[in-house]
PDB file of N, CA and C in Angstrom:
ATOM      1  N   MET A   1      19.148 -14.403 -22.886  1.00  0.00           N
ATOM      2  CA  MET A   1      18.162 -14.200 -21.794  1.00  0.00           C
ATOM      3  C   MET A   1      18.722 -14.003 -20.636  1.00  0.00           C
ATOM      4  N   GLY A   2      18.071 -12.929 -20.170  1.00  0.00           N
ATOM      5  CA  GLY A   2      18.803 -12.436 -18.751  1.00  0.00           C
ATOM      6  C   GLY A   2      18.390 -12.903 -17.558  1.00  0.00           C
ATOM      7  N   GLY A   3      19.309 -13.256 -16.654  1.00  0.00           N
ATOM      8  CA  GLY A   3      18.519 -13.961 -15.211  1.00  0.00           C
ATOM      9  C   GLY A   3      18.868 -12.822 -14.155  1.00  0.00           C
ATOM     10  N   PHE A   4      18.844 -13.213 -12.880  1.00  0.00           N
ATOM     11  CA  PHE A   4      18.961 -12.041 -11.743  1.00  0.00           C
ATOM     12  C   PHE A   4      20.540 -11.883 -11.940  1.00  0.00           C
ATOM     13  N   VAL A   5      20.972 -10.620 -11.641  1.00  0.00           N
ATOM     14  CA  VAL A   5      22.065 -10.016 -11.767  1.00  0.00           C
ATOM     15  C   VAL A   5      22.575  -9.483 -10.520  1.00  0.00           C
ATOM     16  N   GLN A   6      23.750  -9.949  -9.934  1.00  0.00           N
ATOM     17  CA  GLN A   6      23.964  -9.637  -8.407  1.00  0.00           C
ATOM     18  C   GLN A   6      24.743  -8.390  -8.608  1.00  0.00           C
ATOM     19  N   THR A   7      24.409  -7.310  -8.094  1.00  0.00           N
ATOM     20  CA  THR A   7      24.846  -6.004  -8.371  1.00  0.00           C
ATOM     21  C   THR A   7      26.144  -5.584  -7.014  1.00  0.00           C
ATOM     22  N   PRO A   8      27.349  -5.114  -7.390  1.00  0.00           N
ATOM     23  CA  PRO A   8      28.255  -4.893  -6.350  1.00  0.00           C
ATOM     24  C   PRO A   8      27.507  -4.248  -5.226  1.00  0.00           C
ATOM     25  N   GLY A   9      27.694  -4.906  -3.905  1.00  0.00           N
ATOM     26  CA  GLY A   9      27.155  -4.269  -2.606  1.00  0.00           C
ATOM     27  C   GLY A   9      25.880  -5.183  -2.339  1.00  0.00           C
ATOM     28  N   MET A  10      25.444  -6.244  -3.102  1.00  0.00           N
ATOM     29  CA  MET A  10      24.215  -6.865  -2.765  1.00  0.00           C
ATOM     30  C   MET A  10      24.915  -8.070  -1.931  1.00  0.00           C
ATOM     31  N   ARG A  11      24.351  -9.097  -1.190  1.00  0.00           N
ATOM     32  CA  ARG A  11      24.356  -9.737  -0.471  1.00  0.00           C
ATOM     33  C   ARG A  11      23.661 -11.093  -0.842  1.00  0.00           C
ATOM     34  N   THR A  12      24.151 -12.334  -0.620  1.00  0.00           N
ATOM     35  CA  THR A  12      23.348 -13.327  -1.083  1.00  0.00           C
ATOM     36  C   THR A  12      22.659 -13.671   0.344  1.00  0.00           C
ATOM     37  N   VAL A  13      21.667 -14.572   0.100  1.00  0.00           N
ATOM     38  CA  VAL A  13      20.895 -14.964   1.416  1.00  0.00           C
ATOM     39  C   VAL A  13      21.584 -15.695   2.524  1.00  0.00           C
ATOM     40  N   ALA A  14      22.513 -16.399   2.260  1.00  0.00           N
ATOM     41  CA  ALA A  14      23.257 -16.895   2.846  1.00  0.00           C
ATOM     42  C   ALA A  14      24.279 -16.166   3.720  1.00  0.00           C
ATOM     43  N   GLU A  15      24.925 -14.933   3.101  1.00  0.00           N
ATOM     44  CA  GLU A  15      25.582 -13.960   3.867  1.00  0.00           C
ATOM     45  C   GLU A  15      24.584 -13.071   4.779  1.00  0.00           C
ATOM     46  N   ILE A  16      23.193 -12.980   4.417  1.00  0.00           N
ATOM     47  CA  ILE A  16      22.323 -12.299   5.065  1.00  0.00           C
ATOM     48  C   ILE A  16      21.939 -12.942   6.646  1.00  0.00           C
ATOM     49  N   GLN A  17      21.841 -14.424   6.122  1.00  0.00           N
ATOM     50  CA  GLN A  17      21.669 -15.331   7.060  1.00  0.00           C
ATOM     51  C   GLN A  17      22.370 -15.244   8.189  1.00  0.00           C
ATOM     52  N   ASP A  18      23.912 -15.420   7.894  1.00  0.00           N
ATOM     53  CA  ASP A  18      25.173 -15.210   8.540  1.00  0.00           C
ATOM     54  C   ASP A  18      25.074 -13.824   9.363  1.00  0.00           C
ATOM     55  N   ALA A  19      25.029 -12.822   8.863  1.00  0.00           N
ATOM     56  CA  ALA A  19      25.146 -11.502   9.695  1.00  0.00           C
ATOM     57  C   ALA A  19      23.967 -11.357  10.512  1.00  0.00           C
ATOM     58  N   ILE A  20      22.869 -12.058  10.280  1.00  0.00           N
ATOM     59  CA  ILE A  20      21.552 -11.817  11.240  1.00  0.00           C
ATOM     60  C   ILE A  20      21.969 -12.910  12.538  1.00  0.00           C
ATOM     61  N   SER A  21      22.828 -14.117  12.190  1.00  0.00           N
ATOM     62  CA  SER A  21      22.947 -14.981  13.320  1.00  0.00           C
ATOM     63  C   SER A  21      23.743 -14.303  14.178  1.00  0.00           C
ATOM     64  N   LYS A  22      24.915 -13.324  13.696  1.00  0.00           N
ATOM     65  CA  LYS A  22      25.800 -12.815  14.732  1.00  0.00           C
ATOM     66  C   LYS A  22      25.297 -11.626  15.687  1.00  0.00           C
ATOM     67  N   LEU A  23      24.302 -11.255  15.390  1.00  0.00           N
ATOM     68  CA  LEU A  23      23.229 -10.279  16.194  1.00  0.00           C
ATOM     69  C   LEU A  23      23.111 -10.766  17.626  1.00  0.00           C
ATOM     70  N   SER A  24      23.120  -9.805  18.213  1.00  0.00           N
ATOM     71  CA  SER A  24      22.404 -10.478  19.646  1.00  0.00           C
ATOM     72  C   SER A  24      21.076 -10.719  19.516  1.00  0.00           C
ATOM     73  N   GLU A  25      20.488 -11.237  20.448  1.00  0.00           N
ATOM     74  CA  GLU A  25      18.784 -11.434  20.724  1.00  0.00           C
ATOM     75  C   GLU A  25      18.360 -10.031  20.758  1.00  0.00           C
ATOM     76  N   LYS A  26      18.759  -9.093  21.254  1.00  0.00           N
ATOM     77  CA  LYS A  26      18.086  -7.729  21.350  1.00  0.00           C
ATOM     78  C   LYS A  26      18.054  -7.115  19.825  1.00  0.00           C
ATOM     79  N   GLU A  27      19.461  -7.424  19.461  1.00  0.00           N
ATOM     80  CA  GLU A  27      19.309  -6.755  17.842  1.00  0.00           C
ATOM     81  C   GLU A  27      18.839  -7.301  16.948  1.00  0.00           C
ATOM     82  N   GLN A  28      18.485  -8.698  17.135  1.00  0.00           N
ATOM     83  CA  GLN A  28      17.568  -9.413  16.173  1.00  0.00           C
ATOM     84  C   GLN A  28      16.087  -9.146  16.468  1.00  0.00           C
ATOM     85  N   GLY A  29      15.624  -8.494  17.820  1.00  0.00           N
ATOM     86  CA  GLY A  29      14.442  -8.002  18.077  1.00  0.00           C
ATOM     87  C   GLY A  29      14.270  -6.872  17.482  1.00  0.00           C
ATOM     88  N   GLU A  30      15.342  -5.746  17.381  1.00  0.00           N
ATOM     89  CA  GLU A  30      15.166  -4.654  17.026  1.00  0.00           C
ATOM     90  C   GLU A  30      15.077  -4.699  15.407  1.00  0.00           C
ATOM     91  N   LEU A  31      15.390  -5.492  14.761  1.00  0.00           N
ATOM     92  CA  LEU A  31      15.545  -5.779  13.374  1.00  0.00           C
ATOM     93  C   LEU A  31      14.086  -6.227  12.909  1.00  0.00           C
ATOM     94  N   LEU A  32      13.753  -7.155  13.513  1.00  0.00           N
ATOM     95  CA  LEU A  32      12.180  -7.560  13.325  1.00  0.00           C
ATOM     96  C   LEU A  32      11.220  -6.781  13.286  1.00  0.00           C
ATOM     97  N   ARG A  33      11.425  -5.674  14.302  1.00  0.00           N
ATOM     98  CA  ARG A  33      10.758  -4.633  14.616  1.00  0.00           C
ATOM     99  C   ARG A  33      10.727  -3.702  13.420  1.00  0.00           C
ATOM    100  N   TRP A  34      11.837  -3.437  13.133  1.00  0.00           N
ATOM    101  CA  TRP A  34      12.137  -2.383  11.989  1.00  0.00           C
ATOM    102  C   TRP A  34      11.349  -3.135  10.795  1.00  0.00           C
ATOM    103  N   LEU A  35      11.669  -4.433  10.419  1.00  0.00           N
ATOM    104  CA  LEU A  35      11.270  -5.186   8.970  1.00  0.00           C
ATOM    105  C   LEU A  35       9.726  -5.123   9.213  1.00  0.00           C
ATOM    106  N   GLU A  36       8.900  -4.943  10.366  1.00  0.00           N
ATOM    107  CA  GLU A  36       7.429  -5.141  10.469  1.00  0.00           C
ATOM    108  C   GLU A  36       6.911  -3.867  10.132  1.00  0.00           C
ATOM    109  N   ILE A  37       7.410  -2.767  10.666  1.00  0.00           N
ATOM    110  CA  ILE A  37       7.438  -1.231  10.132  1.00  0.00           C
ATOM    111  C   ILE A  37       7.330  -0.887   8.844  1.00  0.00           C
ATOM    112  N   GLN A  38       8.493  -1.366   8.355  1.00  0.00           N
ATOM    113  CA  GLN A  38       8.867  -1.179   6.924  1.00  0.00           C
ATOM    114  C   GLN A  38       7.704  -1.880   5.967  1.00  0.00           C
ATOM    115  N   LEU A  39       7.111  -3.442   6.334  1.00  0.00           N
ATOM    116  CA  LEU A  39       6.150  -3.911   5.636  1.00  0.00           C
ATOM    117  C   LEU A  39       4.912  -3.211   5.790  1.00  0.00           C
ATOM    118  N   GLY A  40       4.655  -2.655   7.117  1.00  0.00           N
ATOM    119  CA  GLY A  40       3.386  -1.948   7.259  1.00  0.00           C
ATOM    120  C   GLY A  40       3.150  -0.744   6.533  1.00  0.00           C
ATOM    121  N   MET A  41       4.415   0.154   6.432  1.00  0.00           N
ATOM    122  CA  MET A  41       4.391   1.269   5.765  1.00  0.00           C
ATOM    123  C   MET A  41       4.312   0.990   4.245  1.00  0.00           C
ATOM    124  N   ARG A  42       4.854   0.007   3.910  1.00  0.00           N
ATOM    125  CA  ARG A  42       4.905  -0.413   2.299  1.00  0.00           C
ATOM    126  C   ARG A  42       3.598  -0.705   1.967  1.00  0.00           C
ATOM    127  N   GLU A  43       2.635  -1.421   2.879  1.00  0.00           N
ATOM    128  CA  GLU A  43       1.177  -1.710   2.465  1.00  0.00           C
ATOM    129  C   GLU A  43       0.193  -0.215   2.661  1.00  0.00           C
ATOM    130  N   MET A  44       0.678   0.508   3.493  1.00  0.00           N
ATOM    131  CA  MET A  44      -0.002   1.645   3.665  1.00  0.00           C
ATOM    132  C   MET A  44       0.281   2.325   2.101  1.00  0.00           C
ATOM    133  N   VAL A  45       1.369   2.603   1.646  1.00  0.00           N
ATOM    134  CA  VAL A  45       1.717   3.433   0.644  1.00  0.00           C
ATOM    135  C   VAL A  45       0.948   2.691  -0.503  1.00  0.00           C
ATOM    136  N   GLU A  46       0.814   1.342  -0.624  1.00  0.00           N
ATOM    137  CA  GLU A  46       0.053   0.569  -1.762  1.00  0.00           C
ATOM    138  C   GLU A  46      -1.537   0.910  -1.545  1.00  0.00           C
ATOM    139  N   GLN A  47      -2.105   1.028  -0.708  1.00  0.00           N
ATOM    140  CA  GLN A  47      -3.199   1.540  -0.258  1.00  0.00           C
ATOM    141  C   GLN A  47      -3.498   2.823  -0.502  1.00  0.00           C
ATOM    142  N   VAL A  48      -2.727   3.821  -0.313  1.00  0.00           N
ATOM    143  CA  VAL A  48      -2.737   5.141  -0.854  1.00  0.00           C
ATOM    144  C   VAL A  48      -2.714   5.178  -2.294  1.00  0.00           C
ATOM    145  N   ALA A  49      -1.859   4.322  -3.027  1.00  0.00           N
ATOM    146  CA  ALA A  49      -1.714   4.333  -4.628  1.00  0.00           C
ATOM    147  C   ALA A  49      -2.999   3.816  -4.832  1.00  0.00           C
ATOM    148  N   ARG A  50      -3.385   2.960  -4.433  1.00  0.00           N
ATOM    149  CA  ARG A  50      -5.006   2.558  -4.858  1.00  0.00           C
ATOM    150  C   ARG A  50      -5.893   3.687  -4.819  1.00  0.00           C
ATOM    151  N   LEU A  51      -5.945   4.361  -3.889  1.00  0.00           N
ATOM    152  CA  LEU A  51      -6.941   5.298  -3.750  1.00  0.00           C
ATOM    153  C   LEU A  51      -6.973   6.460  -4.703  1.00  0.00           C
ATOM    154  N   THR A  52      -5.336   6.649  -5.013  1.00  0.00           N
ATOM    155  CA  THR A  52      -5.199   7.777  -5.903  1.00  0.00           C
ATOM    156  C   THR A  52      -5.589   7.353  -7.182  1.00  0.00           C
ATOM    157  N   GLN A  53      -5.333   6.050  -7.363  1.00  0.00           N
ATOM    158  CA  GLN A  53      -5.694   5.229  -8.797  1.00  0.00           C
ATOM    159  C   GLN A  53      -7.123   5.537  -9.256  1.00  0.00           C
ATOM    160  N   SER A  54      -8.141   4.868  -8.213  1.00  0.00           N
ATOM    161  CA  SER A  54      -9.421   5.302  -8.067  1.00  0.00           C
ATOM    162  C   SER A  54     -10.123   6.828  -8.436  1.00  0.00           C
ATOM    163  N   TYR A  55      -9.217   7.631  -7.383  1.00  0.00           N
ATOM    164  CA  TYR A  55      -9.572   8.844  -7.885  1.00  0.00           C
ATOM    165  C   TYR A  55      -9.516   9.280  -9.339  1.00  0.00           C
ATOM    166  N   VAL A  56      -8.264   9.097  -9.774  1.00  0.00           N
ATOM    167  CA  VAL A  56      -7.931   9.552 -11.182  1.00  0.00           C
ATOM    168  C   VAL A  56      -8.834   8.954 -12.068  1.00  0.00           C
ATOM    169  N   ILE A  57      -9.126   7.499 -12.070  1.00  0.00           N
ATOM    170  CA  ILE A  57     -10.048   7.156 -12.804  1.00  0.00           C
ATOM    171  C   ILE A  57     -11.557   7.866 -12.895  1.00  0.00           C
ATOM    172  N   TRP A  58     -11.956   8.179 -11.541  1.00  0.00           N
ATOM    173  CA  TRP A  58     -13.185   8.658 -11.333  1.00  0.00           C
ATOM    174  C   TRP A  58     -13.045  10.391 -11.985  1.00  0.00           C
ATOM    175  N   TRP A  59     -11.789  10.980 -11.882  1.00  0.00           N
ATOM    176  CA  TRP A  59     -11.873  12.129 -12.213  1.00  0.00           C
ATOM    177  C   TRP A  59     -11.770  12.379 -13.961  1.00  0.00           C
ATOM    178  N   GLU A  60     -11.110  11.441 -14.398  1.00  0.00           N
ATOM    179  CA  GLU A  60     -10.845  11.152 -15.794  1.00  0.00           C
ATOM    180  C   GLU A  60     -12.423  11.047 -16.439  1.00  0.00           C
ATOM    181  N   ILE A  61     -13.262  10.318 -15.739  1.00  0.00           N
ATOM    182  CA  ILE A  61     -14.690  10.317 -16.312  1.00  0.00           C
ATOM    183  C   ILE A  61     -15.622  11.380 -15.977  1.00  0.00           C
ATOM    184  N   ALA A  62     -15.428  11.762 -14.764  1.00  0.00           N
ATOM    185  CA  ALA A  62     -16.539  12.866 -14.272  1.00  0.00           C
ATOM    186  C   ALA A  62     -15.969  14.169 -14.637  1.00  0.00           C
ATOM    187  N   ASN A  63     -14.332  14.527 -15.069  1.00  0.00           N
ATOM    188  CA  ASN A  63     -14.205  15.757 -15.308  1.00  0.00           C
ATOM    189  C   ASN A  63     -15.362  16.386 -16.641  1.00  0.00           C
ATOM    190  N   SER A  64     -15.683  17.524 -16.374  1.00  0.00           N
ATOM    191  CA  SER A  64     -16.368  18.287 -17.455  1.00  0.00           C
ATOM    192  C   SER A  64     -15.833  18.311 -18.691  1.00  0.00           C
ATOM    193  N   LYS A  65     -14.468  18.201 -19.048  1.00  0.00           N
ATOM    194  CA  LYS A  65     -13.978  18.031 -20.395  1.00  0.00           C
ATOM    195  C   LYS A  65     -13.981  16.709 -20.872  1.00  0.00           C
ATOM    196  N   ASN A  66     -14.318  15.826 -20.063  1.00  0.00           N
ATOM    197  CA  ASN A  66     -14.658  14.256 -20.626  1.00  0.00           C
ATOM    198  C   ASN A  66     -15.915  13.864 -20.697  1.00  0.00           C
ATOM    199  N   VAL A  67     -16.858  14.607 -20.130  1.00  0.00           N
ATOM    200  CA  VAL A  67     -18.160  14.034 -20.005  1.00  0.00           C
ATOM    201  C   VAL A  67     -18.426  13.795 -21.203  1.00  0.00           C
ATOM    202  N   LYS A  68     -18.578  14.798 -22.419  1.00  0.00           N
ATOM    203  CA  LYS A  68     -18.857  14.562 -23.531  1.00  0.00           C
ATOM    204  C   LYS A  68     -18.212  13.360 -24.384  1.00  0.00           C
ATOM    205  N   ARG A  69     -16.984  13.240 -23.923  1.00  0.00           N
ATOM    206  CA  ARG A  69     -16.356  12.130 -24.650  1.00  0.00           C
ATOM    207  C   ARG A  69     -16.652  10.682 -24.320  1.00  0.00           C
ATOM    208  N   TYR A  70     -17.084  10.563 -22.820  1.00  0.00           N
ATOM    209  CA  TYR A  70     -17.288   9.485 -22.376  1.00  0.00           C
ATOM    210  C   TYR A  70     -18.850   8.911 -22.407  1.00  0.00           C
ATOM    211  N   SER A  71     -19.710   9.957 -22.365  1.00  0.00           N
ATOM    212  CA  SER A  71     -20.902   9.876 -21.945  1.00  0.00           C
ATOM    213  C   SER A  71     -21.829   8.840 -22.939  1.00  0.00           C
ATOM    214  N   GLY A  72     -21.504   8.885 -24.404  1.00  0.00           N
ATOM    215  CA  GLY A  72     -22.207   7.682 -25.264  1.00  0.00           C
ATOM    216  C   GLY A  72     -21.686   6.643 -25.005  1.00  0.00           C
ATOM    217  N   VAL A  73     -20.357   6.169 -24.391  1.00  0.00           N
ATOM    218  CA  VAL A  73     -20.014   4.812 -24.161  1.00  0.00           C
ATOM    219  C   VAL A  73     -20.617   4.810 -22.786  1.00  0.00           C
ATOM    220  N   LEU A  74     -20.583   5.611 -21.858  1.00  0.00           N
ATOM    221  CA  LEU A  74     -21.154   5.024 -20.225  1.00  0.00           C
ATOM    222  C   LEU A  74     -22.706   4.825 -20.603  1.00  0.00           C
ATOM    223  N   GLN A  75     -23.222   5.522 -21.231  1.00  0.00           N
ATOM    224  CA  GLN A  75     -24.646   5.154 -21.629  1.00  0.00           C
ATOM    225  C   GLN A  75     -25.062   3.787 -22.274  1.00  0.00           C
ATOM    226  N   GLU A  76     -24.605   3.600 -23.263  1.00  0.00           N
ATOM    227  CA  GLU A  76     -24.279   2.583 -24.109  1.00  0.00           C
ATOM    228  C   GLU A  76     -23.982   0.954 -23.174  1.00  0.00           C
ATOM    229  N   TYR A  77     -23.018   1.090 -22.572  1.00  0.00           N
ATOM    230  CA  TYR A  77     -22.609  -0.017 -21.643  1.00  0.00           C
ATOM    231  C   TYR A  77     -22.842   0.231 -20.241  1.00  0.00           C
ATOM    232  N   ARG A  78     -23.958   0.881 -19.831  1.00  0.00           N
ATOM    233  CA  ARG A  78     -24.460   1.275 -18.540  1.00  0.00           C
ATOM    234  C   ARG A  78     -24.300  -0.269 -17.649  1.00  0.00           C
ATOM    235  N   ASP A  79     -24.950  -1.209 -18.046  1.00  0.00           N
ATOM    236  CA  ASP A  79     -24.536  -2.231 -17.154  1.00  0.00           C
ATOM    237  C   ASP A  79     -23.203  -2.704 -16.681  1.00  0.00           C
ATOM    238  N   PHE A  80     -22.312  -2.456 -17.538  1.00  0.00           N
ATOM    239  CA  PHE A  80     -20.948  -2.558 -16.885  1.00  0.00           C
ATOM    240  C   PHE A  80     -20.412  -1.618 -16.283  1.00  0.00           C
ATOM    241  N   PHE A  81     -20.559  -0.159 -16.881  1.00  0.00           N
ATOM    242  CA  PHE A  81     -19.900   0.880 -16.144  1.00  0.00           C
ATOM    243  C   PHE A  81     -20.583   1.325 -14.453  1.00  0.00           C
ATOM    244  N   GLU A  82     -21.741   0.782 -14.253  1.00  0.00           N
ATOM    245  CA  GLU A  82     -22.502   1.457 -13.087  1.00  0.00           C
ATOM    246  C   GLU A  82     -21.843   0.624 -11.933  1.00  0.00           C
ATOM    247  N   PRO A  83     -21.723  -0.911 -11.958  1.00  0.00           N
ATOM    248  CA  PRO A  83     -21.125  -1.903 -10.929  1.00  0.00           C
ATOM    249  C   PRO A  83     -19.736  -1.517 -10.931  1.00  0.00           C
ATOM    250  N   VAL A  84     -19.054  -1.524 -12.104  1.00  0.00           N
ATOM    251  CA  VAL A  84     -17.408  -1.367 -12.085  1.00  0.00           C
ATOM    252  C   VAL A  84     -17.181   0.127 -11.305  1.00  0.00           C
ATOM    253  N   ALA A  85     -17.883   1.440 -11.691  1.00  0.00           N
ATOM    254  CA  ALA A  85     -18.022   2.506 -11.002  1.00  0.00           C
ATOM    255  C   ALA A  85     -18.237   2.218  -9.159  1.00  0.00           C
ATOM    256  N   HIS A  86     -19.327   1.453  -9.136  1.00  0.00           N
ATOM    257  CA  HIS A  86     -19.362   1.558  -7.692  1.00  0.00           C
ATOM    258  C   HIS A  86     -18.581   0.875  -6.770  1.00  0.00           C
ATOM    259  N   ILE A  87     -18.067  -0.322  -7.410  1.00  0.00           N
ATOM    260  CA  ILE A  87     -17.210  -1.334  -6.725  1.00  0.00           C
ATOM    261  C   ILE A  87     -15.605  -0.646  -6.845  1.00  0.00           C
ATOM    262  N   LEU A  88     -15.311  -0.350  -7.711  1.00  0.00           N
ATOM    263  CA  LEU A  88     -13.957   0.647  -8.152  1.00  0.00           C
ATOM    264  C   LEU A  88     -13.894   1.479  -7.072  1.00  0.00           C
ATOM    265  N   LEU A  89     -14.530   2.641  -7.560  1.00  0.00           N
ATOM    266  CA  LEU A  89     -14.367   3.856  -7.088  1.00  0.00           C
ATOM    267  C   LEU A  89     -14.875   4.193  -5.688  1.00  0.00           C
ATOM    268  N   TRP A  90     -16.274   3.799  -5.361  1.00  0.00           N
ATOM    269  CA  TRP A  90     -16.943   3.862  -4.217  1.00  0.00           C
ATOM    270  C   TRP A  90     -16.344   2.810  -3.080  1.00  0.00           C
ATOM    271  N   GLN A  91     -16.833   1.798  -3.041  1.00  0.00           N
ATOM    272  CA  GLN A  91     -16.628   0.759  -2.055  1.00  0.00           C
ATOM    273  C   GLN A  91     -15.150   0.589  -1.653  1.00  0.00           C
ATOM    274  N   GLY A  92     -14.376   0.502  -2.962  1.00  0.00           N
ATOM    275  CA  GLY A  92     -12.782   0.454  -2.757  1.00  0.00           C
ATOM    276  C   GLY A  92     -12.266   1.492  -2.025  1.00  0.00           C
ATOM    277  N   PHE A  93     -12.755   2.876  -2.288  1.00  0.00           N
ATOM    278  CA  PHE A  93     -12.171   3.933  -1.778  1.00  0.00           C
ATOM    279  C   PHE A  93     -12.667   4.059   0.023  1.00  0.00           C
ATOM    280  N   PHE A  94     -13.715   3.757   0.249  1.00  0.00           N
ATOM    281  CA  PHE A  94     -14.270   3.542   1.278  1.00  0.00           C
ATOM    282  C   PHE A  94     -13.549   2.700   2.394  1.00  0.00           C
ATOM    283  N   VAL A  95     -13.523   1.552   1.678  1.00  0.00           N
ATOM    284  CA  VAL A  95     -12.762   0.329   2.318  1.00  0.00           C
ATOM    285  C   VAL A  95     -11.196   0.670   2.918  1.00  0.00           C
ATOM    286  N   ILE A  96     -10.731   1.358   1.746  1.00  0.00           N
ATOM    287  CA  ILE A  96      -9.343   1.410   2.299  1.00  0.00           C
ATOM    288  C   ILE A  96      -9.322   2.760   3.023  1.00  0.00           C
ATOM    289  N   CYS A  97      -9.986   3.598   2.974  1.00  0.00           N
ATOM    290  CA  CYS A  97     -10.110   4.843   3.881  1.00  0.00           C
ATOM    291  C   CYS A  97     -10.247   4.186   5.147  1.00  0.00           C
ATOM    292  N   TYR A  98     -11.328   3.426   5.597  1.00  0.00           N
ATOM    293  CA  TYR A  98     -11.607   2.681   6.811  1.00  0.00           C
ATOM    294  C   TYR A  98     -10.175   1.912   7.322  1.00  0.00           C
ATOM    295  N   GLN A  99      -9.634   1.383   6.431  1.00  0.00           N
ATOM    296  CA  GLN A  99      -8.511   0.571   6.769  1.00  0.00           C
ATOM    297  C   GLN A  99      -7.304   1.507   7.349  1.00  0.00           C
ATOM    298  N   LEU A 100      -7.009   2.553   6.710  1.00  0.00           N
ATOM    299  CA  LEU A 100      -6.158   3.352   7.116  1.00  0.00           C
ATOM    300  C   LEU A 100      -6.137   4.135   8.580  1.00  0.00           C
ATOM    301  N   PHE A 101      -7.452   4.405   8.628  1.00  0.00           N
ATOM    302  CA  PHE A 101      -8.058   5.148   9.652  1.00  0.00           C
ATOM    303  C   PHE A 101      -8.492   4.410  10.997  1.00  0.00           C
ATOM    304  N   ASP A 102      -8.736   3.353  10.922  1.00  0.00           N
ATOM    305  CA  ASP A 102      -9.173   2.387  11.696  1.00  0.00           C
ATOM    306  C   ASP A 102      -8.599   2.430  13.090  1.00  0.00           C
ATOM    307  N   GLN A 103      -9.592   2.606  14.058  1.00  0.00           N
ATOM    308  CA  GLN A 103      -8.893   2.755  15.591  1.00  0.00           C
ATOM    309  C   GLN A 103      -9.108   1.505  16.442  1.00  0.00           C
ATOM    310  N   ARG A 104      -9.514   0.369  16.012  1.00  0.00           N
ATOM    311  CA  ARG A 104      -9.468  -0.542  16.464  1.00  0.00           C
ATOM    312  C   ARG A 104      -8.296  -1.381  17.121  1.00  0.00           C
ATOM    313  N   GLN A 105      -8.061  -1.949  18.290  1.00  0.00           N
ATOM    314  CA  GLN A 105      -6.744  -2.383  18.828  1.00  0.00           C
ATOM    315  C   GLN A 105      -6.141  -3.532  18.254  1.00  0.00           C
ATOM    316  N   ASP A 106      -7.179  -4.373  17.284  1.00  0.00           N
ATOM    317  CA  ASP A 106      -6.653  -5.312  16.603  1.00  0.00           C
ATOM    318  C   ASP A 106      -6.071  -4.690  14.994  1.00  0.00           C
ATOM    319  N   SER A 107      -6.292  -3.601  14.942  1.00  0.00           N
ATOM    320  CA  SER A 107      -5.873  -3.171  13.392  1.00  0.00           C
ATOM    321  C   SER A 107      -4.600  -2.595  13.415  1.00  0.00           C
ATOM    322  N   LYS A 108      -4.030  -2.901  12.247  1.00  0.00           N
ATOM    323  CA  LYS A 108      -2.585  -2.036  12.141  1.00  0.00           C
ATOM    324  C   LYS A 108      -3.051  -0.455  11.259  1.00  0.00           C
ATOM    325  N   HIS A 109      -3.607   0.412  11.851  1.00  0.00           N
ATOM    326  CA  HIS A 109      -3.913   1.416  11.031  1.00  0.00           C
ATOM    327  C   HIS A 109      -2.752   2.672  11.035  1.00  0.00           C
ATOM    328  N   ILE A 110      -3.085   3.908  10.516  1.00  0.00           N
ATOM    329  CA  ILE A 110      -2.096   4.830  10.394  1.00  0.00           C
ATOM    330  C   ILE A 110      -1.366   5.276  11.782  1.00  0.00           C
ATOM    331  N   HIS A 111      -2.645   5.515  12.847  1.00  0.00           N
ATOM    332  CA  HIS A 111      -2.244   5.886  14.144  1.00  0.00           C
ATOM    333  C   HIS A 111      -1.292   4.659  14.753  1.00  0.00           C
ATOM    334  N   PHE A 112      -1.544   3.415  14.520  1.00  0.00           N
ATOM    335  CA  PHE A 112      -0.706   2.541  15.069  1.00  0.00           C
ATOM    336  C   PHE A 112       0.583   2.568  14.409  1.00  0.00           C
ATOM    337  N   ARG A 113       0.887   2.758  13.456  1.00  0.00           N
ATOM    338  CA  ARG A 113       1.956   2.780  12.494  1.00  0.00           C
ATOM    339  C   ARG A 113       2.995   3.867  12.937  1.00  0.00           C
ATOM    340  N   ILE A 114       2.451   5.356  13.121  1.00  0.00           N
ATOM    341  CA  ILE A 114       2.986   6.473  13.744  1.00  0.00           C
ATOM    342  C   ILE A 114       3.542   6.293  15.193  1.00  0.00           C
ATOM    343  N   ASP A 115       2.455   5.524  15.990  1.00  0.00           N
ATOM    344  CA  ASP A 115       3.049   5.168  17.375  1.00  0.00           C
ATOM    345  C   ASP A 115       4.164   4.159  17.328  1.00  0.00           C
ATOM    346  N   GLN A 116       4.033   2.891  16.307  1.00  0.00           N
ATOM    347  CA  GLN A 116       5.074   2.307  16.553  1.00  0.00           C
ATOM    348  C   GLN A 116       6.484   2.920  15.944  1.00  0.00           C
ATOM    349  N   VAL A 117       6.579   3.757  14.878  1.00  0.00           N
ATOM    350  CA  VAL A 117       7.814   4.436  14.547  1.00  0.00           C
ATOM    351  C   VAL A 117       8.308   5.102  15.895  1.00  0.00           C
ATOM    352  N   ALA A 118       7.460   5.985  16.445  1.00  0.00           N
ATOM    353  CA  ALA A 118       7.710   6.692  17.638  1.00  0.00           C
ATOM    354  C   ALA A 118       8.338   6.097  18.736  1.00  0.00           C
ATOM    355  N   GLN A 119       7.852   4.733  19.003  1.00  0.00           N
ATOM    356  CA  GLN A 119       8.502   3.920  20.188  1.00  0.00           C
ATOM    357  C   GLN A 119       9.801   3.342  19.805  1.00  0.00           C
ATOM    358  N   THR A 120       9.839   2.973  18.281  1.00  0.00           N
ATOM    359  CA  THR A 120      11.404   2.647  18.097  1.00  0.00           C
ATOM    360  C   THR A 120      12.159   3.868  17.906  1.00  0.00           C
ATOM    361  N   ALA A 121      11.725   4.797  17.555  1.00  0.00           N
ATOM    362  CA  ALA A 121      12.645   5.927  17.740  1.00  0.00           C
ATOM    363  C   ALA A 121      13.051   6.309  19.049  1.00  0.00           C
ATOM    364  N   ALA A 122      12.329   6.149  20.028  1.00  0.00           N
ATOM    365  CA  ALA A 122      12.617   6.631  21.483  1.00  0.00           C
ATOM    366  C   ALA A 122      13.475   5.330  22.383  1.00  0.00           C
ATOM    367  N   ARG A 123      13.781   4.378  21.431  1.00  0.00           N
ATOM    368  CA  ARG A 123      14.621   3.528  21.920  1.00  0.00           C
ATOM    369  C   ARG A 123      16.194   3.677  21.897  1.00  0.00           C
TER     370      ARG A 123
END
């Protein structure tokens, strides 16, 4: 049975902690800002992936080529598919779009991330 295999070039947690401790306070702050940007961007990529998945599911069902194939199942199990379609395709889609483009000061929307990257690049 396989376990975690360390590949050449990988560092242990202790090595990473040691390297970070050798950074100046300013460098540590820059590293933390960079990590925050990376995590925020990853979150946005995941949100866009969920949007894409929702669209693909909707298109598979709604595409004129597939309507005939799925219409019987959709009608027979309407009590299941209508709420699922509503939640998955519409509520989820609009909630994620709102999160990505929200302009409030306390949210980390796409404009916030762009400004964050620009400020870091300007340093």
